[in-house]
Amino acid sequence: RMVHLSADLEPEFFAQMTAEVRVQKKTARGNRFVWVKRKGQARNEQFDMAVYVLWLVEKLRIGTWRQRLWD
């Protein structure tokens, strides 16, 4: 899977998009993966918005829309 982004975006955008990492944590029921913020990274709104938009695209099946719907 890929996401294409403009090179004209501010460095803060990319910092927020990479603000979280997926790590494995041990629990009473075994290991599980969770997302945690990187140390020193206070903001991640851009990442959250990207997740919301991808969910909306899938929910509305935007990839299947014909041109007349866009018009």
PDB file of N, CA and C in Angstrom:
ATOM      1  N   ARG A   1       0.848  -1.177   0.000  1.00  0.00           N
ATOM      2  CA  ARG A   1       0.000   0.000   0.000  1.00  0.00           C
ATOM      3  C   ARG A   1       0.893   1.240   0.000  1.00  0.00           C
ATOM      4  N   MET A   2       0.403   2.279  -0.688  1.00  0.00           N
ATOM      5  CA  MET A   2       1.182   3.514  -0.794  1.00  0.00           C
ATOM      6  C   MET A   2       0.274   4.725  -0.652  1.00  0.00           C
ATOM      7  N   VAL A   3       0.868   5.798  -0.222  1.00  0.00           N
ATOM      8  CA  VAL A   3       0.205   7.092  -0.184  1.00  0.00           C
ATOM      9  C   VAL A   3       1.138   8.058  -0.880  1.00  0.00           C
ATOM     10  N   HIS A   4       0.613   8.784  -1.847  1.00  0.00           N
ATOM     11  CA  HIS A   4       1.413   9.774  -2.565  1.00  0.00           C
ATOM     12  C   HIS A   4       1.183  11.135  -1.935  1.00  0.00           C
ATOM     13  N   LEU A   5       2.263  11.810  -1.576  1.00  0.00           N
ATOM     14  CA  LEU A   5       2.179  13.118  -0.934  1.00  0.00           C
ATOM     15  C   LEU A   5       3.003  14.129  -1.714  1.00  0.00           C
ATOM     16  N   SER A   6       2.600  15.377  -1.609  1.00  0.00           N
ATOM     17  CA  SER A   6       3.308  16.458  -2.282  1.00  0.00           C
ATOM     18  C   SER A   6       4.621  16.763  -1.574  1.00  0.00           C
ATOM     19  N   ALA A   7       5.645  17.048  -2.344  1.00  0.00           N
ATOM     20  CA  ALA A   7       6.926  17.458  -1.769  1.00  0.00           C
ATOM     21  C   ALA A   7       6.853  18.871  -1.218  1.00  0.00           C
ATOM     22  N   ASP A   8       5.775  19.591  -1.524  1.00  0.00           N
ATOM     23  CA  ASP A   8       5.610  20.966  -1.059  1.00  0.00           C
ATOM     24  C   ASP A   8       5.047  21.066   0.351  1.00  0.00           C
ATOM     25  N   LEU A   9       4.725  19.943   0.973  1.00  0.00           N
ATOM     26  CA  LEU A   9       4.184  19.968   2.327  1.00  0.00           C
ATOM     27  C   LEU A   9       5.262  20.388   3.326  1.00  0.00           C
ATOM     28  N   GLU A  10       4.817  21.013   4.393  1.00  0.00           N
ATOM     29  CA  GLU A  10       5.735  21.489   5.435  1.00  0.00           C
ATOM     30  C   GLU A  10       6.358  20.311   6.191  1.00  0.00           C
ATOM     31  N   PRO A  11       7.560  20.483   6.715  1.00  0.00           N
ATOM     32  CA  PRO A  11       8.190  19.422   7.518  1.00  0.00           C
ATOM     33  C   PRO A  11       7.335  18.991   8.711  1.00  0.00           C
ATOM     34  N   GLU A  12       6.568  19.903   9.283  1.00  0.00           N
ATOM     35  CA  GLU A  12       5.699  19.568  10.418  1.00  0.00           C
ATOM     36  C   GLU A  12       4.663  18.514  10.024  1.00  0.00           C
ATOM     37  N   PHE A  13       4.180  18.563   8.793  1.00  0.00           N
ATOM     38  CA  PHE A  13       3.224  17.560   8.315  1.00  0.00           C
ATOM     39  C   PHE A  13       3.834  16.166   8.416  1.00  0.00           C
ATOM     40  N   PHE A  14       5.044  16.026   7.910  1.00  0.00           N
ATOM     41  CA  PHE A  14       5.702  14.715   7.920  1.00  0.00           C
ATOM     42  C   PHE A  14       6.055  14.269   9.340  1.00  0.00           C
ATOM     43  N   ALA A  15       6.400  15.222  10.191  1.00  0.00           N
ATOM     44  CA  ALA A  15       6.677  14.886  11.592  1.00  0.00           C
ATOM     45  C   ALA A  15       5.425  14.318  12.256  1.00  0.00           C
ATOM     46  N   GLN A  16       4.281  14.931  11.960  1.00  0.00           N
ATOM     47  CA  GLN A  16       3.033  14.443  12.552  1.00  0.00           C
ATOM     48  C   GLN A  16       2.607  13.098  11.957  1.00  0.00           C
ATOM     49  N   MET A  17       2.850  12.904  10.667  1.00  0.00           N
ATOM     50  CA  MET A  17       2.478  11.642  10.031  1.00  0.00           C
ATOM     51  C   MET A  17       3.287  10.462  10.567  1.00  0.00           C
ATOM     52  N   THR A  18       4.463  10.734  11.064  1.00  0.00           N
ATOM     53  CA  THR A  18       5.319   9.668  11.597  1.00  0.00           C
ATOM     54  C   THR A  18       5.449   9.766  13.117  1.00  0.00           C
ATOM     55  N   ALA A  19       4.475  10.387  13.768  1.00  0.00           N
ATOM     56  CA  ALA A  19       4.537  10.628  15.206  1.00  0.00           C
ATOM     57  C   ALA A  19       4.296   9.372  16.035  1.00  0.00           C
ATOM     58  N   GLU A  20       3.700   8.351  15.437  1.00  0.00           N
ATOM     59  CA  GLU A  20       3.393   7.137  16.183  1.00  0.00           C
ATOM     60  C   GLU A  20       4.096   5.934  15.559  1.00  0.00           C
ATOM     61  N   VAL A  21       4.429   4.977  16.416  1.00  0.00           N
ATOM     62  CA  VAL A  21       5.026   3.734  15.955  1.00  0.00           C
ATOM     63  C   VAL A  21       4.235   2.564  16.531  1.00  0.00           C
ATOM     64  N   ARG A  22       4.223   1.473  15.802  1.00  0.00           N
ATOM     65  CA  ARG A  22       3.524   0.263  16.241  1.00  0.00           C
ATOM     66  C   ARG A  22       4.508  -0.610  16.997  1.00  0.00           C
ATOM     67  N   VAL A  23       4.176  -0.909  18.248  1.00  0.00           N
ATOM     68  CA  VAL A  23       5.063  -1.727  19.074  1.00  0.00           C
ATOM     69  C   VAL A  23       4.285  -2.900  19.665  1.00  0.00           C
ATOM     70  N   GLN A  24       5.020  -3.935  19.981  1.00  0.00           N
ATOM     71  CA  GLN A  24       4.408  -5.115  20.583  1.00  0.00           C
ATOM     72  C   GLN A  24       4.509  -4.996  22.094  1.00  0.00           C
ATOM     73  N   LYS A  25       3.379  -5.221  22.778  1.00  0.00           N
ATOM     74  CA  LYS A  25       3.351  -5.158  24.242  1.00  0.00           C
ATOM     75  C   LYS A  25       2.857  -6.485  24.786  1.00  0.00           C
ATOM     76  N   LYS A  26       3.430  -6.884  25.911  1.00  0.00           N
ATOM     77  CA  LYS A  26       2.976  -8.106  26.571  1.00  0.00           C
ATOM     78  C   LYS A  26       1.795  -7.773  27.464  1.00  0.00           C
ATOM     79  N   THR A  27       0.776  -8.599  27.403  1.00  0.00           N
ATOM     80  CA  THR A  27      -0.386  -8.452  28.274  1.00  0.00           C
ATOM     81  C   THR A  27      -0.653  -9.789  28.941  1.00  0.00           C
ATOM     82  N   ALA A  28      -1.629  -9.815  29.819  1.00  0.00           N
ATOM     83  CA  ALA A  28      -1.986 -11.054  30.506  1.00  0.00           C
ATOM     84  C   ALA A  28      -2.475 -12.113  29.515  1.00  0.00           C
ATOM     85  N   ARG A  29      -3.012 -11.674  28.386  1.00  0.00           N
ATOM     86  CA  ARG A  29      -3.532 -12.604  27.384  1.00  0.00           C
ATOM     87  C   ARG A  29      -2.548 -12.865  26.258  1.00  0.00           C
ATOM     88  N   GLY A  30      -1.337 -12.409  26.398  1.00  0.00           N
ATOM     89  CA  GLY A  30      -0.336 -12.626  25.360  1.00  0.00           C
ATOM     90  C   GLY A  30       0.156 -11.312  24.782  1.00  0.00           C
ATOM     91  N   ASN A  31       0.843 -11.402  23.676  1.00  0.00           N
ATOM     92  CA  ASN A  31       1.379 -10.204  23.036  1.00  0.00           C
ATOM     93  C   ASN A  31       0.325  -9.573  22.132  1.00  0.00           C
ATOM     94  N   ARG A  32       0.364  -8.233  22.062  1.00  0.00           N
ATOM     95  CA  ARG A  32      -0.504  -7.527  21.139  1.00  0.00           C
ATOM     96  C   ARG A  32       0.220  -6.287  20.642  1.00  0.00           C
ATOM     97  N   PHE A  33      -0.209  -5.780  19.509  1.00  0.00           N
ATOM     98  CA  PHE A  33       0.401  -4.590  18.937  1.00  0.00           C
ATOM     99  C   PHE A  33      -0.425  -3.363  19.286  1.00  0.00           C
ATOM    100  N   VAL A  34       0.259  -2.281  19.651  1.00  0.00           N
ATOM    101  CA  VAL A  34      -0.393  -1.016  19.958  1.00  0.00           C
ATOM    102  C   VAL A  34       0.392   0.111  19.290  1.00  0.00           C
ATOM    103  N   TRP A  35      -0.271   1.237  19.058  1.00  0.00           N
ATOM    104  CA  TRP A  35       0.378   2.415  18.501  1.00  0.00           C
ATOM    105  C   TRP A  35       0.715   3.362  19.642  1.00  0.00           C
ATOM    106  N   VAL A  36       1.959   3.818  19.704  1.00  0.00           N
ATOM    107  CA  VAL A  36       2.394   4.765  20.739  1.00  0.00           C
ATOM    108  C   VAL A  36       3.123   5.929  20.082  1.00  0.00           C
ATOM    109  N   LYS A  37       3.017   7.085  20.727  1.00  0.00           N
ATOM    110  CA  LYS A  37       3.706   8.261  20.208  1.00  0.00           C
ATOM    111  C   LYS A  37       5.203   8.138  20.455  1.00  0.00           C
ATOM    112  N   ARG A  38       5.961   8.666  19.499  1.00  0.00           N
ATOM    113  CA  ARG A  38       7.415   8.717  19.673  1.00  0.00           C
ATOM    114  C   ARG A  38       7.750   9.712  20.777  1.00  0.00           C
ATOM    115  N   LYS A  39       8.852   9.497  21.452  1.00  0.00           N
ATOM    116  CA  LYS A  39       9.273  10.413  22.508  1.00  0.00           C
ATOM    117  C   LYS A  39       9.549  11.793  21.919  1.00  0.00           C
ATOM    118  N   GLY A  40       9.050  12.818  22.595  1.00  0.00           N
ATOM    119  CA  GLY A  40       9.268  14.184  22.151  1.00  0.00           C
ATOM    120  C   GLY A  40       8.297  14.656  21.085  1.00  0.00           C
ATOM    121  N   GLN A  41       7.387  13.788  20.643  1.00  0.00           N
ATOM    122  CA  GLN A  41       6.425  14.168  19.605  1.00  0.00           C
ATOM    123  C   GLN A  41       5.097  14.490  20.272  1.00  0.00           C
ATOM    124  N   ALA A  42       4.736  15.762  20.293  1.00  0.00           N
ATOM    125  CA  ALA A  42       3.527  16.191  20.994  1.00  0.00           C
ATOM    126  C   ALA A  42       2.279  16.122  20.125  1.00  0.00           C
ATOM    127  N   ARG A  43       2.421  16.300  18.815  1.00  0.00           N
ATOM    128  CA  ARG A  43       1.251  16.407  17.955  1.00  0.00           C
ATOM    129  C   ARG A  43       1.211  15.292  16.913  1.00  0.00           C
ATOM    130  N   ASN A  44      -0.014  14.898  16.564  1.00  0.00           N
ATOM    131  CA  ASN A  44      -0.181  13.902  15.505  1.00  0.00           C
ATOM    132  C   ASN A  44      -1.523  14.072  14.789  1.00  0.00           C
ATOM    133  N   GLU A  45      -2.033  15.288  14.728  1.00  0.00           N
ATOM    134  CA  GLU A  45      -3.332  15.535  14.112  1.00  0.00           C
ATOM    135  C   GLU A  45      -3.362  15.127  12.639  1.00  0.00           C
ATOM    136  N   GLN A  46      -2.277  15.333  11.920  1.00  0.00           N
ATOM    137  CA  GLN A  46      -2.248  14.977  10.496  1.00  0.00           C
ATOM    138  C   GLN A  46      -2.410  13.471  10.318  1.00  0.00           C
ATOM    139  N   PHE A  47      -1.797  12.699  11.170  1.00  0.00           N
ATOM    140  CA  PHE A  47      -1.928  11.242  11.106  1.00  0.00           C
ATOM    141  C   PHE A  47      -3.375  10.835  11.384  1.00  0.00           C
ATOM    142  N   ASP A  48      -3.962  11.420  12.431  1.00  0.00           N
ATOM    143  CA  ASP A  48      -5.349  11.111  12.766  1.00  0.00           C
ATOM    144  C   ASP A  48      -6.284  11.445  11.603  1.00  0.00           C
ATOM    145  N   MET A  49      -6.099  12.602  10.991  1.00  0.00           N
ATOM    146  CA  MET A  49      -6.954  13.006   9.877  1.00  0.00           C
ATOM    147  C   MET A  49      -6.792  12.052   8.689  1.00  0.00           C
ATOM    148  N   ALA A  50      -5.577  11.610   8.435  1.00  0.00           N
ATOM    149  CA  ALA A  50      -5.342  10.672   7.336  1.00  0.00           C
ATOM    150  C   ALA A  50      -6.081   9.359   7.589  1.00  0.00           C
ATOM    151  N   VAL A  51      -6.070   8.883   8.816  1.00  0.00           N
ATOM    152  CA  VAL A  51      -6.783   7.652   9.163  1.00  0.00           C
ATOM    153  C   VAL A  51      -8.285   7.841   8.963  1.00  0.00           C
ATOM    154  N   TYR A  52      -8.819   8.980   9.391  1.00  0.00           N
ATOM    155  CA  TYR A  52     -10.254   9.249   9.226  1.00  0.00           C
ATOM    156  C   TYR A  52     -10.636   9.285   7.749  1.00  0.00           C
ATOM    157  N   VAL A  53      -9.808   9.929   6.936  1.00  0.00           N
ATOM    158  CA  VAL A  53     -10.106  10.033   5.506  1.00  0.00           C
ATOM    159  C   VAL A  53     -10.057   8.660   4.845  1.00  0.00           C
ATOM    160  N   LEU A  54      -9.072   7.842   5.170  1.00  0.00           N
ATOM    161  CA  LEU A  54      -8.988   6.502   4.586  1.00  0.00           C
ATOM    162  C   LEU A  54     -10.193   5.647   4.979  1.00  0.00           C
ATOM    163  N   TRP A  55     -10.652   5.794   6.216  1.00  0.00           N
ATOM    164  CA  TRP A  55     -11.853   5.071   6.645  1.00  0.00           C
ATOM    165  C   TRP A  55     -13.047   5.532   5.823  1.00  0.00           C
ATOM    166  N   LEU A  56     -13.190   6.850   5.642  1.00  0.00           N
ATOM    167  CA  LEU A  56     -14.312   7.393   4.890  1.00  0.00           C
ATOM    168  C   LEU A  56     -14.295   6.933   3.430  1.00  0.00           C
ATOM    169  N   VAL A  57     -13.118   6.923   2.827  1.00  0.00           N
ATOM    170  CA  VAL A  57     -12.988   6.440   1.448  1.00  0.00           C
ATOM    171  C   VAL A  57     -13.471   5.000   1.342  1.00  0.00           C
ATOM    172  N   GLU A  58     -13.090   4.176   2.300  1.00  0.00           N
ATOM    173  CA  GLU A  58     -13.513   2.773   2.270  1.00  0.00           C
ATOM    174  C   GLU A  58     -15.003   2.634   2.550  1.00  0.00           C
ATOM    175  N   LYS A  59     -15.503   3.363   3.529  1.00  0.00           N
ATOM    176  CA  LYS A  59     -16.911   3.270   3.908  1.00  0.00           C
ATOM    177  C   LYS A  59     -17.831   3.715   2.771  1.00  0.00           C
ATOM    178  N   LEU A  60     -17.470   4.813   2.093  1.00  0.00           N
ATOM    179  CA  LEU A  60     -18.287   5.329   1.000  1.00  0.00           C
ATOM    180  C   LEU A  60     -17.969   4.678  -0.337  1.00  0.00           C
ATOM    181  N   ARG A  61     -16.951   3.817  -0.349  1.00  0.00           N
ATOM    182  CA  ARG A  61     -16.516   3.126  -1.569  1.00  0.00           C
ATOM    183  C   ARG A  61     -16.216   4.132  -2.682  1.00  0.00           C
ATOM    184  N   ILE A  62     -15.510   5.174  -2.330  1.00  0.00           N
ATOM    185  CA  ILE A  62     -15.219   6.262  -3.261  1.00  0.00           C
ATOM    186  C   ILE A  62     -14.452   5.764  -4.487  1.00  0.00           C
ATOM    187  N   GLY A  63     -13.651   4.746  -4.339  1.00  0.00           N
ATOM    188  CA  GLY A  63     -12.903   4.210  -5.466  1.00  0.00           C
ATOM    189  C   GLY A  63     -13.777   3.615  -6.558  1.00  0.00           C
ATOM    190  N   THR A  64     -15.034   3.355  -6.240  1.00  0.00           N
ATOM    191  CA  THR A  64     -15.947   2.774  -7.232  1.00  0.00           C
ATOM    192  C   THR A  64     -16.848   3.815  -7.880  1.00  0.00           C
ATOM    193  N   TRP A  65     -16.769   5.065  -7.455  1.00  0.00           N
ATOM    194  CA  TRP A  65     -17.651   6.106  -7.985  1.00  0.00           C
ATOM    195  C   TRP A  65     -17.363   6.360  -9.463  1.00  0.00           C
ATOM    196  N   ARG A  66     -18.417   6.559 -10.216  1.00  0.00           N
ATOM    197  CA  ARG A  66     -18.298   6.907 -11.629  1.00  0.00           C
ATOM    198  C   ARG A  66     -18.234   8.425 -11.767  1.00  0.00           C
ATOM    199  N   GLN A  67     -17.825   8.865 -12.921  1.00  0.00           N
ATOM    200  CA  GLN A  67     -17.632  10.300 -13.167  1.00  0.00           C
ATOM    201  C   GLN A  67     -18.894  11.122 -12.872  1.00  0.00           C
ATOM    202  N   ARG A  68     -20.070  10.587 -13.157  1.00  0.00           N
ATOM    203  CA  ARG A  68     -21.293  11.357 -12.944  1.00  0.00           C
ATOM    204  C   ARG A  68     -21.511  11.692 -11.469  1.00  0.00           C
ATOM    205  N   LEU A  69     -21.047  10.834 -10.578  1.00  0.00           N
ATOM    206  CA  LEU A  69     -21.141  11.149  -9.142  1.00  0.00           C
ATOM    207  C   LEU A  69     -20.203  12.298  -8.767  1.00  0.00           C
ATOM    208  N   TRP A  70     -19.049  12.348  -9.377  1.00  0.00           N
ATOM    209  CA  TRP A  70     -18.116  13.437  -9.106  1.00  0.00           C
ATOM    210  C   TRP A  70     -18.632  14.752  -9.672  1.00  0.00           C
ATOM    211  N   ASP A  71     -19.324  14.670 -10.802  1.00  0.00           N
ATOM    212  CA  ASP A  71     -19.873  15.876 -11.426  1.00  0.00           C
ATOM    213  C   ASP A  71     -20.974  16.456 -10.560  1.00  0.00           C
TER     214      ASP A  71
END
